[in-house]
Amino acid sequence: MIRKTIIAVALAALTVTTAACNTVDGLGDDIKSVGRAGKRAID
């Protein structure tokens, strides 16, 4: 049951990520953004 839930969440995240960035450049920007947000949260 937990495994199915994890797989469903991972697929949903992948779908949202794919829809959010239409190009490889957009994906890079999204990754940078997540890195910056993580750094701000830690600081």
N, C-alpha and C. Protein backbone atom coordinates (compact mmCIF):
# COMPACT_ATOMS: atom_id res chain seq x y z
N MET A 1 0.82 -1.20 0.00
CA MET A 1 0.00 0.00 0.00
C MET A 1 0.87 1.26 0.00
N ILE A 2 1.86 1.30 0.87
CA ILE A 2 2.73 2.47 0.94
C ILE A 2 3.53 2.61 -0.35
N ARG A 3 3.96 1.48 -0.89
CA ARG A 3 4.74 1.52 -2.14
C ARG A 3 3.91 2.12 -3.27
N LYS A 4 2.64 1.75 -3.37
CA LYS A 4 1.77 2.30 -4.41
C LYS A 4 1.58 3.80 -4.22
N THR A 5 1.47 4.23 -2.99
CA THR A 5 1.31 5.65 -2.71
C THR A 5 2.56 6.42 -3.12
N ILE A 6 3.73 5.89 -2.80
CA ILE A 6 4.98 6.55 -3.16
C ILE A 6 5.11 6.64 -4.68
N ILE A 7 4.77 5.57 -5.37
CA ILE A 7 4.84 5.57 -6.83
C ILE A 7 3.87 6.60 -7.41
N ALA A 8 2.67 6.68 -6.86
CA ALA A 8 1.68 7.63 -7.35
C ALA A 8 2.15 9.07 -7.14
N VAL A 9 2.73 9.35 -5.98
CA VAL A 9 3.24 10.69 -5.71
C VAL A 9 4.40 11.02 -6.64
N ALA A 10 5.28 10.07 -6.87
CA ALA A 10 6.42 10.30 -7.77
C ALA A 10 5.94 10.58 -9.19
N LEU A 11 4.97 9.83 -9.65
CA LEU A 11 4.43 10.05 -11.00
C LEU A 11 3.74 11.41 -11.10
N ALA A 12 3.03 11.79 -10.06
CA ALA A 12 2.37 13.10 -10.06
C ALA A 12 3.41 14.22 -10.09
N ALA A 13 4.48 14.07 -9.32
CA ALA A 13 5.54 15.08 -9.31
C ALA A 13 6.22 15.16 -10.68
N LEU A 14 6.45 14.02 -11.29
CA LEU A 14 7.06 14.00 -12.62
C LEU A 14 6.16 14.69 -13.64
N THR A 15 4.88 14.44 -13.56
CA THR A 15 3.92 15.05 -14.48
C THR A 15 3.90 16.56 -14.32
N VAL A 16 3.87 17.03 -13.09
CA VAL A 16 3.85 18.47 -12.83
C VAL A 16 5.15 19.11 -13.31
N THR A 17 6.26 18.46 -13.04
CA THR A 17 7.56 18.98 -13.47
C THR A 17 7.64 19.07 -14.98
N THR A 18 7.18 18.03 -15.65
CA THR A 18 7.22 18.01 -17.11
C THR A 18 6.33 19.10 -17.69
N ALA A 19 5.17 19.29 -17.10
CA ALA A 19 4.25 20.31 -17.59
C ALA A 19 4.76 21.72 -17.30
N ALA A 20 5.51 21.88 -16.21
CA ALA A 20 5.96 23.21 -15.79
C ALA A 20 7.11 23.74 -16.65
N CYS A 21 7.96 22.87 -17.14
CA CYS A 21 9.11 23.35 -17.92
C CYS A 21 9.07 22.72 -19.30
N ASN A 22 8.88 23.53 -20.30
CA ASN A 22 8.72 23.04 -21.66
C ASN A 22 10.03 22.78 -22.37
N THR A 23 11.11 23.30 -21.82
CA THR A 23 12.40 23.13 -22.49
C THR A 23 13.44 22.66 -21.48
N VAL A 24 14.57 22.23 -21.97
CA VAL A 24 15.68 21.82 -21.10
C VAL A 24 16.16 23.04 -20.31
N ASP A 25 16.18 24.19 -20.93
CA ASP A 25 16.58 25.42 -20.25
C ASP A 25 15.63 25.72 -19.09
N GLY A 26 14.36 25.52 -19.31
CA GLY A 26 13.37 25.71 -18.24
C GLY A 26 13.59 24.75 -17.10
N LEU A 27 13.97 23.52 -17.42
CA LEU A 27 14.26 22.53 -16.38
C LEU A 27 15.45 22.98 -15.54
N GLY A 28 16.48 23.50 -16.19
CA GLY A 28 17.64 24.01 -15.47
C GLY A 28 17.27 25.15 -14.53
N ASP A 29 16.42 26.04 -15.00
CA ASP A 29 15.97 27.15 -14.16
C ASP A 29 15.18 26.63 -12.96
N ASP A 30 14.35 25.62 -13.18
CA ASP A 30 13.57 25.05 -12.09
C ASP A 30 14.48 24.41 -11.05
N ILE A 31 15.51 23.71 -11.49
CA ILE A 31 16.45 23.06 -10.57
C ILE A 31 17.21 24.12 -9.77
N LYS A 32 17.63 25.19 -10.43
CA LYS A 32 18.31 26.28 -9.73
C LYS A 32 17.40 26.89 -8.67
N SER A 33 16.14 27.09 -9.03
CA SER A 33 15.18 27.67 -8.11
C SER A 33 15.01 26.81 -6.87
N VAL A 34 14.91 25.52 -7.06
CA VAL A 34 14.77 24.61 -5.93
C VAL A 34 16.02 24.65 -5.05
N GLY A 35 17.18 24.72 -5.66
CA GLY A 35 18.43 24.82 -4.91
C GLY A 35 18.49 26.08 -4.08
N ARG A 36 18.09 27.20 -4.69
CA ARG A 36 18.09 28.47 -3.95
C ARG A 36 17.11 28.44 -2.78
N ALA A 37 15.93 27.88 -3.02
CA ALA A 37 14.92 27.80 -1.95
C ALA A 37 15.42 26.92 -0.82
N GLY A 38 16.07 25.82 -1.15
CA GLY A 38 16.62 24.94 -0.12
C GLY A 38 17.70 25.64 0.69
N LYS A 39 18.54 26.41 0.01
CA LYS A 39 19.61 27.13 0.70
C LYS A 39 19.02 28.18 1.64
N ARG A 40 18.00 28.89 1.18
CA ARG A 40 17.36 29.90 2.04
C ARG A 40 16.72 29.26 3.25
N ALA A 41 16.12 28.09 3.06
CA ALA A 41 15.48 27.38 4.18
C ALA A 41 16.51 26.94 5.22
N ILE A 42 17.69 26.53 4.76
CA ILE A 42 18.73 26.08 5.67
C ILE A 42 19.34 27.27 6.41
N ASP A 43 19.52 28.38 5.70
CA ASP A 43 20.11 29.58 6.33
C ASP A 43 19.08 30.20 7.21
